[in-house]
Amino acid sequence: MVKIAVDLLGSDNSLEEIVKGLYKASLIDCDIELIAFGPKEEVEELLKENGYKGSNVKIVDANYGIKSLDNYFLELKTNKNASMARALRYIRDNDDVDCFVTTGTTGALVTGAMLYLKPLELDGVKSSPCLAACLPNSSGRYFCILDCGATTEVKSSDLVAFAKLGSAFIKAYQGTESPRVGLISNGSEESKGNQLTKEAFQLLKELKINFVGNIEGNKITEDSCDVLVCDGFSGNIVLKNIEGTAKMLIKDLFREAKKAEIRGDIQTMDVLMKTISNLMSKYDFNSLGGSTLLGVNKIVVKGHGAATSDTIVNIVKQAYVMKKNDYLGLIYNK
């Protein structure tokens, strides 16, 4: 049985929408038990309205969702009714609870995970946290970028740890054998990059991983690697740039489809609308699932703040797959 803690609060969307996702997630597999953190009576009523008749959802009462704040540490430490804090303490204290999923704020999640969960030790060194986000590449498979915003100031040893964590993650996520690891830089040559990337390049060359060298910005989505390593500042910019470019292309195509409709060119309009649908299915955050917080001793998946019920289903599936494919074990079997 895979036990997954689910934070129901902190999303930009309504509790009704999130509980609808909880209900759908309860139907994924009989091997899943969900421990949901939210206002107990309201959640029970909403589950009943959705037709829930199962026995694999347990509700722990919590009535406060942490939003954007200046001091996440204080809020997580002192607010006993905060759903994220209660969930993190719960998985810390229960060894049989394997995973945690949330659509709450990233800052609170990173702070809470480092406050309540244990950092992983890689070769005797405690890992910094990193967020791994998956995106489609030109071959139709997925690659992961990490870090996407958890640790903006890093050392070269952190990038080495991210490479190890990312390799295990992408293996568990989609079964990639011998994942190709690349390092973001401003040129493919070994001599390119700043001091950080030059140091990391030399360390990564010595690892027993499939290191393929530096990756330039225009090669990121060209099936150049399975794991793209960078600091959280650069990774967050890369991720949001790719998302923004995809949205811009979809909007441009939609405008062209409307023009085709106005001039009566239905065949062109149909082709464009099918292209739009295909792009949206690839790049929509509700389809992709969530970012995974790596570097701690539990599986932690963070969905988008504007989550729908489908987002909840997909992040629960993502956590379940990582557990079933033994993500944490893969780190130490490298």
C-alpha atoms as a PDB file:
ATOM      1  CA  MET A   1       0.000   0.000   0.000  1.00  0.00           C
ATOM      2  CA  VAL A   2       1.356   3.421  -1.009  1.00  0.00           C
ATOM      3  CA  LYS A   3       0.262   6.075   1.472  1.00  0.00           C
ATOM      4  CA  ILE A   4       0.169   9.643   0.162  1.00  0.00           C
ATOM      5  CA  ALA A   5      -0.476  12.765   2.253  1.00  0.00           C
ATOM      6  CA  VAL A   6      -2.498  15.391   0.360  1.00  0.00           C
ATOM      7  CA  ASP A   7      -2.573  19.083   1.296  1.00  0.00           C
ATOM      8  CA  LEU A   8      -6.041  20.348   0.292  1.00  0.00           C
ATOM      9  CA  LEU A   9      -5.446  24.011   1.147  1.00  0.00           C
ATOM     10  CA  GLY A  10      -3.151  26.731  -0.178  1.00  0.00           C
ATOM     11  CA  SER A  11      -4.330  26.454  -3.799  1.00  0.00           C
ATOM     12  CA  ASP A  12      -5.648  29.431  -5.780  1.00  0.00           C
ATOM     13  CA  ASN A  13      -8.650  27.296  -6.714  1.00  0.00           C
ATOM     14  CA  SER A  14     -11.680  26.416  -4.591  1.00  0.00           C
ATOM     15  CA  LEU A  15     -11.765  23.628  -2.026  1.00  0.00           C
ATOM     16  CA  GLU A  16     -14.609  22.084  -4.044  1.00  0.00           C
ATOM     17  CA  GLU A  17     -12.326  21.704  -7.075  1.00  0.00           C
ATOM     18  CA  ILE A  18      -9.448  20.264  -5.031  1.00  0.00           C
ATOM     19  CA  VAL A  19     -11.700  17.731  -3.248  1.00  0.00           C
ATOM     20  CA  LYS A  20     -13.120  16.713  -6.609  1.00  0.00           C
ATOM     21  CA  GLY A  21      -9.537  15.865  -7.543  1.00  0.00           C
ATOM     22  CA  LEU A  22      -9.094  13.991  -4.257  1.00  0.00           C
ATOM     23  CA  TYR A  23     -12.142  11.893  -5.119  1.00  0.00           C
ATOM     24  CA  LYS A  24     -10.811  11.140  -8.623  1.00  0.00           C
ATOM     25  CA  ALA A  25      -7.405  10.264  -7.162  1.00  0.00           C
ATOM     26  CA  SER A  26      -9.036   7.787  -4.779  1.00  0.00           C
ATOM     27  CA  LEU A  27     -10.082   5.778  -7.851  1.00  0.00           C
ATOM     28  CA  ILE A  28      -6.592   5.535  -9.415  1.00  0.00           C
ATOM     29  CA  ASP A  29      -5.507   2.262  -7.831  1.00  0.00           C
ATOM     30  CA  CYS A  30      -6.619   0.065  -4.945  1.00  0.00           C
ATOM     31  CA  ASP A  31      -2.976   0.146  -3.786  1.00  0.00           C
ATOM     32  CA  ILE A  32      -3.239   3.860  -2.820  1.00  0.00           C
ATOM     33  CA  GLU A  33      -4.317   5.315   0.523  1.00  0.00           C
ATOM     34  CA  LEU A  34      -4.787   9.088   0.708  1.00  0.00           C
ATOM     35  CA  ILE A  35      -4.413  11.042   3.941  1.00  0.00           C
ATOM     36  CA  ALA A  36      -6.019  14.417   3.234  1.00  0.00           C
ATOM     37  CA  PHE A  37      -5.387  17.563   5.293  1.00  0.00           C
ATOM     38  CA  GLY A  38      -8.214  20.089   5.284  1.00  0.00           C
ATOM     39  CA  PRO A  39     -11.432  21.117   7.092  1.00  0.00           C
ATOM     40  CA  LYS A  40     -12.741  17.653   8.016  1.00  0.00           C
ATOM     41  CA  GLU A  41     -16.514  18.162   8.003  1.00  0.00           C
ATOM     42  CA  GLU A  42     -16.498  20.213   4.798  1.00  0.00           C
ATOM     43  CA  VAL A  43     -14.233  17.740   3.017  1.00  0.00           C
ATOM     44  CA  GLU A  44     -16.395  14.793   4.094  1.00  0.00           C
ATOM     45  CA  GLU A  45     -19.493  16.545   2.751  1.00  0.00           C
ATOM     46  CA  LEU A  46     -17.806  17.391  -0.558  1.00  0.00           C
ATOM     47  CA  LEU A  47     -16.563  13.815  -0.978  1.00  0.00           C
ATOM     48  CA  LYS A  48     -20.104  12.585  -0.395  1.00  0.00           C
ATOM     49  CA  GLU A  49     -21.406  15.009  -3.029  1.00  0.00           C
ATOM     50  CA  ASN A  50     -18.883  13.595  -5.503  1.00  0.00           C
ATOM     51  CA  GLY A  51     -20.139  10.081  -4.814  1.00  0.00           C
ATOM     52  CA  TYR A  52     -17.246   8.788  -2.744  1.00  0.00           C
ATOM     53  CA  LYS A  53     -18.055   5.428  -1.158  1.00  0.00           C
ATOM     54  CA  GLY A  54     -14.587   4.029  -0.682  1.00  0.00           C
ATOM     55  CA  SER A  55     -12.399   3.473   2.354  1.00  0.00           C
ATOM     56  CA  ASN A  56      -9.008   4.671   1.115  1.00  0.00           C
ATOM     57  CA  VAL A  57      -9.305   8.350   2.099  1.00  0.00           C
ATOM     58  CA  LYS A  58      -8.510   9.464   5.646  1.00  0.00           C
ATOM     59  CA  ILE A  59      -9.094  13.109   6.613  1.00  0.00           C
ATOM     60  CA  VAL A  60      -6.992  15.003   9.159  1.00  0.00           C
ATOM     61  CA  ASP A  61      -8.610  18.248  10.289  1.00  0.00           C
ATOM     62  CA  ALA A  62      -6.779  21.451   9.270  1.00  0.00           C
ATOM     63  CA  ASN A  63      -8.415  24.743   8.387  1.00  0.00           C
ATOM     64  CA  TYR A  64      -5.657  27.076   7.238  1.00  0.00           C
ATOM     65  CA  GLY A  65      -3.833  27.199   3.908  1.00  0.00           C
ATOM     66  CA  ILE A  66      -0.522  29.050   3.853  1.00  0.00           C
ATOM     67  CA  LYS A  67      -0.409  31.738   1.177  1.00  0.00           C
ATOM     68  CA  SER A  68       2.461  33.988   0.086  1.00  0.00           C
ATOM     69  CA  LEU A  69       4.184  35.411   3.166  1.00  0.00           C
ATOM     70  CA  ASP A  70       7.439  37.019   4.201  1.00  0.00           C
ATOM     71  CA  ASN A  71       8.109  34.534   6.993  1.00  0.00           C
ATOM     72  CA  TYR A  72       7.176  30.966   6.044  1.00  0.00           C
ATOM     73  CA  PHE A  73       9.332  29.532   8.817  1.00  0.00           C
ATOM     74  CA  LEU A  74       7.361  31.323  11.548  1.00  0.00           C
ATOM     75  CA  GLU A  75       4.019  30.414   9.990  1.00  0.00           C
ATOM     76  CA  LEU A  76       4.902  26.739   9.617  1.00  0.00           C
ATOM     77  CA  LYS A  77       6.333  26.554  13.110  1.00  0.00           C
ATOM     78  CA  THR A  78       3.557  28.339  15.009  1.00  0.00           C
ATOM     79  CA  ASN A  79       0.278  27.859  13.117  1.00  0.00           C
ATOM     80  CA  LYS A  80      -0.997  24.508  14.355  1.00  0.00           C
ATOM     81  CA  ASN A  81      -3.947  24.507  11.932  1.00  0.00           C
ATOM     82  CA  ALA A  82      -1.851  25.021   8.786  1.00  0.00           C
ATOM     83  CA  SER A  83      -2.544  22.069   6.495  1.00  0.00           C
ATOM     84  CA  MET A  84       0.946  21.962   4.976  1.00  0.00           C
ATOM     85  CA  ALA A  85       2.690  21.983   8.347  1.00  0.00           C
ATOM     86  CA  ARG A  86       0.381  19.301   9.734  1.00  0.00           C
ATOM     87  CA  ALA A  87       0.919  17.115   6.666  1.00  0.00           C
ATOM     88  CA  LEU A  88       4.712  17.467   6.783  1.00  0.00           C
ATOM     89  CA  ARG A  89       4.814  16.648  10.481  1.00  0.00           C
ATOM     90  CA  TYR A  90       2.569  13.657   9.813  1.00  0.00           C
ATOM     91  CA  ILE A  91       4.811  12.139   7.148  1.00  0.00           C
ATOM     92  CA  ARG A  92       7.856  12.885   9.308  1.00  0.00           C
ATOM     93  CA  ASP A  93       6.344  10.931  12.209  1.00  0.00           C
ATOM     94  CA  ASN A  94       4.912   8.041  10.173  1.00  0.00           C
ATOM     95  CA  ASP A  95       7.475   5.909   8.383  1.00  0.00           C
ATOM     96  CA  ASP A  96       4.776   4.121   6.390  1.00  0.00           C
ATOM     97  CA  VAL A  97       3.620   7.343   4.683  1.00  0.00           C
ATOM     98  CA  ASP A  98       5.725   7.566   1.568  1.00  0.00           C
ATOM     99  CA  CYS A  99       4.717  10.732  -0.261  1.00  0.00           C
ATOM    100  CA  PHE A 100       3.336  14.252   0.054  1.00  0.00           C
ATOM    101  CA  VAL A 101       1.515  16.279  -2.620  1.00  0.00           C
ATOM    102  CA  THR A 102       0.429  19.906  -2.443  1.00  0.00           C
ATOM    103  CA  THR A 103      -0.629  22.853  -4.594  1.00  0.00           C
ATOM    104  CA  GLY A 104       0.464  25.338  -1.947  1.00  0.00           C
ATOM    105  CA  THR A 105       3.089  28.019  -2.361  1.00  0.00           C
ATOM    106  CA  THR A 106       6.597  26.921  -3.353  1.00  0.00           C
ATOM    107  CA  GLY A 107       8.335  29.022  -0.711  1.00  0.00           C
ATOM    108  CA  ALA A 108       6.334  27.432   2.091  1.00  0.00           C
ATOM    109  CA  LEU A 109       6.910  23.944   0.717  1.00  0.00           C
ATOM    110  CA  VAL A 110      10.689  24.302   0.445  1.00  0.00           C
ATOM    111  CA  THR A 111      10.866  25.873   3.927  1.00  0.00           C
ATOM    112  CA  GLY A 112       8.591  23.235   5.428  1.00  0.00           C
ATOM    113  CA  ALA A 113      10.368  20.312   3.817  1.00  0.00           C
ATOM    114  CA  MET A 114      13.726  21.466   5.180  1.00  0.00           C
ATOM    115  CA  LEU A 115      12.138  22.151   8.575  1.00  0.00           C
ATOM    116  CA  TYR A 116      10.341  18.828   9.042  1.00  0.00           C
ATOM    117  CA  LEU A 117      11.963  16.305   6.682  1.00  0.00           C
ATOM    118  CA  LYS A 118      15.507  14.944   6.614  1.00  0.00           C
ATOM    119  CA  PRO A 119      17.902  16.057   3.869  1.00  0.00           C
ATOM    120  CA  LEU A 120      19.429  13.195   1.923  1.00  0.00           C
ATOM    121  CA  GLU A 121      23.131  12.514   2.334  1.00  0.00           C
ATOM    122  CA  LEU A 122      25.051  11.917  -0.864  1.00  0.00           C
ATOM    123  CA  ASP A 123      28.617  10.722  -0.335  1.00  0.00           C
ATOM    124  CA  GLY A 124      28.478  12.005   3.229  1.00  0.00           C
ATOM    125  CA  VAL A 125      27.270  15.503   2.257  1.00  0.00           C
ATOM    126  CA  LYS A 126      23.754  16.772   2.994  1.00  0.00           C
ATOM    127  CA  SER A 127      21.957  17.717  -0.191  1.00  0.00           C
ATOM    128  CA  SER A 128      20.412  21.120  -0.817  1.00  0.00           C
ATOM    129  CA  PRO A 129      16.787  20.917  -1.985  1.00  0.00           C
ATOM    130  CA  CYS A 130      16.009  21.246  -5.673  1.00  0.00           C
ATOM    131  CA  LEU A 131      12.824  21.340  -7.725  1.00  0.00           C
ATOM    132  CA  ALA A 132      12.678  19.107 -10.791  1.00  0.00           C
ATOM    133  CA  ALA A 133      10.202  19.996 -13.522  1.00  0.00           C
ATOM    134  CA  CYS A 134       9.524  17.800 -16.554  1.00  0.00           C
ATOM    135  CA  LEU A 135       8.935  19.123 -20.056  1.00  0.00           C
ATOM    136  CA  PRO A 136       8.535  17.436 -23.454  1.00  0.00           C
ATOM    137  CA  ASN A 137      11.468  17.476 -25.853  1.00  0.00           C
ATOM    138  CA  SER A 138      11.654  17.193 -29.638  1.00  0.00           C
ATOM    139  CA  SER A 139      11.572  13.367 -29.496  1.00  0.00           C
ATOM    140  CA  GLY A 140       8.249  13.298 -27.642  1.00  0.00           C
ATOM    141  CA  ARG A 141       9.748  12.096 -24.366  1.00  0.00           C
ATOM    142  CA  TYR A 142      10.324  14.133 -21.229  1.00  0.00           C
ATOM    143  CA  PHE A 143      13.430  15.658 -19.742  1.00  0.00           C
ATOM    144  CA  CYS A 144      13.766  17.290 -16.338  1.00  0.00           C
ATOM    145  CA  ILE A 145      15.245  20.646 -15.398  1.00  0.00           C
ATOM    146  CA  LEU A 146      16.644  21.039 -11.906  1.00  0.00           C
ATOM    147  CA  ASP A 147      16.862  23.194  -9.935  1.00  0.00           C
ATOM    148  CA  CYS A 148      13.803  25.270 -10.903  1.00  0.00           C
ATOM    149  CA  GLY A 149      13.745  27.571  -7.890  1.00  0.00           C
ATOM    150  CA  ALA A 150      14.348  25.850  -4.574  1.00  0.00           C
ATOM    151  CA  THR A 151      18.019  26.888  -4.129  1.00  0.00           C
ATOM    152  CA  THR A 152      19.102  29.978  -6.032  1.00  0.00           C
ATOM    153  CA  GLU A 153      22.618  30.263  -4.554  1.00  0.00           C
ATOM    154  CA  VAL A 154      24.562  27.045  -5.101  1.00  0.00           C
ATOM    155  CA  LYS A 155      28.070  25.603  -5.041  1.00  0.00           C
ATOM    156  CA  SER A 156      29.509  23.275  -7.658  1.00  0.00           C
ATOM    157  CA  SER A 157      29.004  20.373  -5.220  1.00  0.00           C
ATOM    158  CA  ASP A 158      25.271  21.192  -5.170  1.00  0.00           C
ATOM    159  CA  LEU A 159      25.112  20.841  -8.950  1.00  0.00           C
ATOM    160  CA  VAL A 160      26.788  17.445  -8.632  1.00  0.00           C
ATOM    161  CA  ALA A 161      24.131  16.400  -6.107  1.00  0.00           C
ATOM    162  CA  PHE A 162      21.380  17.684  -8.427  1.00  0.00           C
ATOM    163  CA  ALA A 163      22.806  15.535 -11.229  1.00  0.00           C
ATOM    164  CA  LYS A 164      22.595  12.403  -9.045  1.00  0.00           C
ATOM    165  CA  LEU A 165      19.087  13.224  -7.823  1.00  0.00           C
ATOM    166  CA  GLY A 166      17.871  14.079 -11.307  1.00  0.00           C
ATOM    167  CA  SER A 167      19.236  10.858 -12.780  1.00  0.00           C
ATOM    168  CA  ALA A 168      17.348   8.778 -10.206  1.00  0.00           C
ATOM    169  CA  PHE A 169      14.226  10.902 -10.659  1.00  0.00           C
ATOM    170  CA  ILE A 170      13.973  10.586 -14.450  1.00  0.00           C
ATOM    171  CA  LYS A 171      14.639   6.839 -14.169  1.00  0.00           C
ATOM    172  CA  ALA A 172      11.713   6.488 -11.769  1.00  0.00           C
ATOM    173  CA  TYR A 173       9.500   8.977 -13.621  1.00  0.00           C
ATOM    174  CA  GLN A 174       9.662   7.436 -17.102  1.00  0.00           C
ATOM    175  CA  GLY A 175      12.054   4.494 -16.933  1.00  0.00           C
ATOM    176  CA  THR A 176      14.937   6.234 -18.724  1.00  0.00           C
ATOM    177  CA  GLU A 177      17.988   3.976 -18.671  1.00  0.00           C
ATOM    178  CA  SER A 178      21.402   5.634 -18.291  1.00  0.00           C
ATOM    179  CA  PRO A 179      19.961   9.184 -18.298  1.00  0.00           C
ATOM    180  CA  ARG A 180      22.029  11.756 -20.168  1.00  0.00           C
ATOM    181  CA  VAL A 181      23.000  14.599 -17.831  1.00  0.00           C
ATOM    182  CA  GLY A 182      23.712  18.054 -19.220  1.00  0.00           C
ATOM    183  CA  LEU A 183      24.870  21.299 -17.601  1.00  0.00           C
ATOM    184  CA  ILE A 184      23.373  24.654 -18.617  1.00  0.00           C
ATOM    185  CA  SER A 185      26.025  26.981 -19.996  1.00  0.00           C
ATOM    186  CA  ASN A 186      26.538  29.699 -22.589  1.00  0.00           C
ATOM    187  CA  GLY A 187      28.387  27.381 -24.939  1.00  0.00           C
ATOM    188  CA  SER A 188      28.954  23.681 -25.550  1.00  0.00           C
ATOM    189  CA  GLU A 189      32.731  23.825 -25.140  1.00  0.00           C
ATOM    190  CA  GLU A 190      34.262  22.710 -21.858  1.00  0.00           C
ATOM    191  CA  SER A 191      35.885  26.119 -21.448  1.00  0.00           C
ATOM    192  CA  LYS A 192      32.562  28.011 -21.566  1.00  0.00           C
ATOM    193  CA  GLY A 193      30.571  29.188 -18.551  1.00  0.00           C
ATOM    194  CA  ASN A 194      31.160  31.058 -15.321  1.00  0.00           C
ATOM    195  CA  GLN A 195      33.333  29.845 -12.469  1.00  0.00           C
ATOM    196  CA  LEU A 196      30.467  27.791 -11.002  1.00  0.00           C
ATOM    197  CA  THR A 197      29.716  25.856 -14.180  1.00  0.00           C
ATOM    198  CA  LYS A 198      33.404  25.328 -15.008  1.00  0.00           C
ATOM    199  CA  GLU A 199      33.992  23.791 -11.572  1.00  0.00           C
ATOM    200  CA  ALA A 200      30.834  21.687 -11.845  1.00  0.00           C
ATOM    201  CA  PHE A 201      31.846  20.465 -15.317  1.00  0.00           C
ATOM    202  CA  GLN A 202      35.096  19.035 -13.981  1.00  0.00           C
ATOM    203  CA  LEU A 203      33.336  17.313 -11.068  1.00  0.00           C
ATOM    204  CA  LEU A 204      30.576  15.884 -13.266  1.00  0.00           C
ATOM    205  CA  LYS A 205      33.156  14.397 -15.640  1.00  0.00           C
ATOM    206  CA  GLU A 206      34.446  12.271 -12.770  1.00  0.00           C
ATOM    207  CA  LEU A 207      31.059  10.866 -11.756  1.00  0.00           C
ATOM    208  CA  LYS A 208      29.744   7.458 -12.760  1.00  0.00           C
ATOM    209  CA  ILE A 209      26.872   9.041 -14.652  1.00  0.00           C
ATOM    210  CA  ASN A 210      26.191   9.627 -18.339  1.00  0.00           C
ATOM    211  CA  PHE A 211      27.437  13.225 -18.435  1.00  0.00           C
ATOM    212  CA  VAL A 212      27.097  14.727 -21.943  1.00  0.00           C
ATOM    213  CA  GLY A 213      28.628  18.133 -21.230  1.00  0.00           C
ATOM    214  CA  ASN A 214      27.376  21.704 -21.541  1.00  0.00           C
ATOM    215  CA  ILE A 215      23.968  22.464 -23.034  1.00  0.00           C
ATOM    216  CA  GLU A 216      23.282  25.842 -24.674  1.00  0.00           C
ATOM    217  CA  GLY A 217      19.915  27.552 -24.345  1.00  0.00           C
ATOM    218  CA  ASN A 218      18.869  26.844 -27.937  1.00  0.00           C
ATOM    219  CA  LYS A 219      19.495  23.100 -27.461  1.00  0.00           C
ATOM    220  CA  ILE A 220      17.497  22.600 -24.270  1.00  0.00           C
ATOM    221  CA  THR A 221      14.361  21.150 -25.885  1.00  0.00           C
ATOM    222  CA  GLU A 222      16.195  19.328 -28.726  1.00  0.00           C
ATOM    223  CA  ASP A 223      16.549  15.951 -27.001  1.00  0.00           C
ATOM    224  CA  SER A 224      20.068  16.912 -25.968  1.00  0.00           C
ATOM    225  CA  CYS A 225      19.797  15.407 -22.471  1.00  0.00           C
ATOM    226  CA  ASP A 226      17.402  13.746 -20.037  1.00  0.00           C
ATOM    227  CA  VAL A 227      18.525  15.746 -16.988  1.00  0.00           C
ATOM    228  CA  LEU A 228      19.431  19.426 -17.257  1.00  0.00           C
ATOM    229  CA  VAL A 229      21.357  20.727 -14.235  1.00  0.00           C
ATOM    230  CA  CYS A 230      21.534  24.373 -13.141  1.00  0.00           C
ATOM    231  CA  ASP A 231      21.103  26.674 -10.158  1.00  0.00           C
ATOM    232  CA  GLY A 232      17.562  27.536  -9.072  1.00  0.00           C
ATOM    233  CA  PHE A 233      17.750  31.103 -10.359  1.00  0.00           C
ATOM    234  CA  SER A 234      18.683  30.095 -13.913  1.00  0.00           C
ATOM    235  CA  GLY A 235      16.375  27.077 -13.928  1.00  0.00           C
ATOM    236  CA  ASN A 236      13.338  29.084 -12.908  1.00  0.00           C
ATOM    237  CA  ILE A 237      13.967  31.561 -15.730  1.00  0.00           C
ATOM    238  CA  VAL A 238      14.444  28.741 -18.278  1.00  0.00           C
ATOM    239  CA  LEU A 239      11.271  26.956 -17.181  1.00  0.00           C
ATOM    240  CA  LYS A 240       9.102  30.082 -17.260  1.00  0.00           C
ATOM    241  CA  ASN A 241      10.582  31.142 -20.594  1.00  0.00           C
ATOM    242  CA  ILE A 242       9.643  27.793 -22.152  1.00  0.00           C
ATOM    243  CA  GLU A 243       6.143  27.993 -20.649  1.00  0.00           C
ATOM    244  CA  GLY A 244       5.743  31.592 -21.842  1.00  0.00           C
ATOM    245  CA  THR A 245       6.935  30.769 -25.355  1.00  0.00           C
ATOM    246  CA  ALA A 246       4.498  27.854 -25.585  1.00  0.00           C
ATOM    247  CA  LYS A 247       1.623  30.119 -24.500  1.00  0.00           C
ATOM    248  CA  MET A 248       2.632  32.769 -27.053  1.00  0.00           C
ATOM    249  CA  LEU A 249       2.716  30.199 -29.871  1.00  0.00           C
ATOM    250  CA  ILE A 250      -0.692  28.836 -28.871  1.00  0.00           C
ATOM    251  CA  LYS A 251      -2.176  32.348 -28.852  1.00  0.00           C
ATOM    252  CA  ASP A 252      -0.654  33.106 -32.275  1.00  0.00           C
ATOM    253  CA  LEU A 253      -2.050  29.889 -33.724  1.00  0.00           C
ATOM    254  CA  PHE A 254      -5.461  30.614 -32.220  1.00  0.00           C
ATOM    255  CA  ARG A 255      -5.487  34.063 -33.865  1.00  0.00           C
ATOM    256  CA  GLU A 256      -4.617  32.457 -37.204  1.00  0.00           C
ATOM    257  CA  ALA A 257      -7.391  29.895 -36.710  1.00  0.00           C
ATOM    258  CA  LYS A 258      -9.918  32.704 -36.083  1.00  0.00           C
ATOM    259  CA  LYS A 259      -8.745  34.484 -39.253  1.00  0.00           C
ATOM    260  CA  ALA A 260      -9.202  31.234 -41.220  1.00  0.00           C
ATOM    261  CA  GLU A 261     -12.705  30.838 -39.786  1.00  0.00           C
ATOM    262  CA  ILE A 262     -13.657  34.415 -40.729  1.00  0.00           C
ATOM    263  CA  ARG A 263     -12.533  33.954 -44.343  1.00  0.00           C
ATOM    264  CA  GLY A 264     -14.332  30.599 -44.530  1.00  0.00           C
ATOM    265  CA  ASP A 265     -11.217  28.414 -44.737  1.00  0.00           C
ATOM    266  CA  ILE A 266     -12.557  25.654 -42.516  1.00  0.00           C
ATOM    267  CA  GLN A 267      -9.897  23.099 -43.487  1.00  0.00           C
ATOM    268  CA  THR A 268      -7.039  25.386 -42.344  1.00  0.00           C
ATOM    269  CA  MET A 269      -8.965  26.268 -39.191  1.00  0.00           C
ATOM    270  CA  ASP A 270      -9.401  22.568 -38.320  1.00  0.00           C
ATOM    271  CA  VAL A 271      -5.677  21.859 -38.832  1.00  0.00           C
ATOM    272  CA  LEU A 272      -4.695  24.816 -36.649  1.00  0.00           C
ATOM    273  CA  MET A 273      -7.154  23.867 -33.890  1.00  0.00           C
ATOM    274  CA  LYS A 274      -5.797  20.308 -33.829  1.00  0.00           C
ATOM    275  CA  THR A 275      -2.268  21.729 -33.543  1.00  0.00           C
ATOM    276  CA  ILE A 276      -3.380  23.969 -30.681  1.00  0.00           C
ATOM    277  CA  SER A 277      -4.981  21.032 -28.891  1.00  0.00           C
ATOM    278  CA  ASN A 278      -1.792  18.985 -29.275  1.00  0.00           C
ATOM    279  CA  LEU A 279       0.391  21.796 -27.912  1.00  0.00           C
ATOM    280  CA  MET A 280      -1.927  22.408 -24.963  1.00  0.00           C
ATOM    281  CA  SER A 281      -1.891  18.724 -24.033  1.00  0.00           C
ATOM    282  CA  LYS A 282       1.935  18.803 -24.043  1.00  0.00           C
ATOM    283  CA  TYR A 283       2.545  22.040 -22.167  1.00  0.00           C
ATOM    284  CA  ASP A 284      -0.534  22.513 -19.949  1.00  0.00           C
ATOM    285  CA  PHE A 285       0.543  22.247 -16.293  1.00  0.00           C
ATOM    286  CA  ASN A 286      -2.612  20.282 -15.438  1.00  0.00           C
ATOM    287  CA  SER A 287      -1.502  17.544 -17.863  1.00  0.00           C
ATOM    288  CA  LEU A 288       2.179  17.592 -16.882  1.00  0.00           C
ATOM    289  CA  GLY A 289       1.564  17.036 -13.180  1.00  0.00           C
ATOM    290  CA  GLY A 290       3.885  18.927 -10.870  1.00  0.00           C
ATOM    291  CA  SER A 291       7.419  19.801  -9.903  1.00  0.00           C
ATOM    292  CA  THR A 292       9.127  17.324  -7.589  1.00  0.00           C
ATOM    293  CA  LEU A 293      11.128  18.505  -4.596  1.00  0.00           C
ATOM    294  CA  LEU A 294      14.263  16.381  -4.474  1.00  0.00           C
ATOM    295  CA  GLY A 295      16.902  16.180  -1.766  1.00  0.00           C
ATOM    296  CA  VAL A 296      14.697  15.071   1.149  1.00  0.00           C
ATOM    297  CA  ASN A 297      13.843  11.621   2.515  1.00  0.00           C
ATOM    298  CA  LYS A 298      10.253  11.568   1.256  1.00  0.00           C
ATOM    299  CA  ILE A 299       8.685  11.917  -2.189  1.00  0.00           C
ATOM    300  CA  VAL A 300       7.278  15.453  -2.447  1.00  0.00           C
ATOM    301  CA  VAL A 301       5.336  16.711  -5.486  1.00  0.00           C
ATOM    302  CA  LYS A 302       4.117  20.282  -5.905  1.00  0.00           C
ATOM    303  CA  GLY A 303       1.278  21.072  -8.311  1.00  0.00           C
ATOM    304  CA  HIS A 304       0.563  24.473  -9.829  1.00  0.00           C
ATOM    305  CA  GLY A 305      -1.227  26.986  -7.597  1.00  0.00           C
ATOM    306  CA  ALA A 306      -4.046  27.304 -10.151  1.00  0.00           C
ATOM    307  CA  ALA A 307      -4.650  23.565  -9.907  1.00  0.00           C
ATOM    308  CA  THR A 308      -7.777  21.837 -11.200  1.00  0.00           C
ATOM    309  CA  SER A 309      -9.101  18.469 -10.120  1.00  0.00           C
ATOM    310  CA  ASP A 310      -7.040  16.918 -12.934  1.00  0.00           C
ATOM    311  CA  THR A 311      -3.882  18.444 -11.454  1.00  0.00           C
ATOM    312  CA  ILE A 312      -4.556  16.656  -8.162  1.00  0.00           C
ATOM    313  CA  VAL A 313      -5.022  13.357  -9.973  1.00  0.00           C
ATOM    314  CA  ASN A 314      -1.794  13.801 -11.923  1.00  0.00           C
ATOM    315  CA  ILE A 315       0.400  14.783  -8.963  1.00  0.00           C
ATOM    316  CA  VAL A 316      -0.934  11.843  -6.954  1.00  0.00           C
ATOM    317  CA  LYS A 317      -0.159   9.561  -9.920  1.00  0.00           C
ATOM    318  CA  GLN A 318       3.314  11.079 -10.169  1.00  0.00           C
ATOM    319  CA  ALA A 319       4.059  10.436  -6.501  1.00  0.00           C
ATOM    320  CA  TYR A 320       2.655   6.910  -6.758  1.00  0.00           C
ATOM    321  CA  VAL A 321       4.790   6.046  -9.812  1.00  0.00           C
ATOM    322  CA  MET A 322       7.947   7.393  -8.150  1.00  0.00           C
ATOM    323  CA  LYS A 323       7.306   5.271  -5.083  1.00  0.00           C
ATOM    324  CA  LYS A 324       6.485   2.122  -7.058  1.00  0.00           C
ATOM    325  CA  ASN A 325       9.636   2.617  -9.150  1.00  0.00           C
ATOM    326  CA  ASP A 326      11.730   3.117  -5.994  1.00  0.00           C
ATOM    327  CA  TYR A 327      13.049   6.626  -6.666  1.00  0.00           C
ATOM    328  CA  LEU A 328      14.801   6.893  -3.292  1.00  0.00           C
ATOM    329  CA  GLY A 329      16.426   3.495  -3.730  1.00  0.00           C
ATOM    330  CA  LEU A 330      17.679   4.422  -7.195  1.00  0.00           C
ATOM    331  CA  ILE A 331      19.645   7.347  -5.739  1.00  0.00           C
ATOM    332  CA  TYR A 332      21.839   5.063  -3.679  1.00  0.00           C
ATOM    333  CA  ASN A 333      22.070   2.298  -6.249  1.00  0.00           C
ATOM    334  CA  LYS A 334      23.809   4.629  -8.717  1.00  0.00           C
END
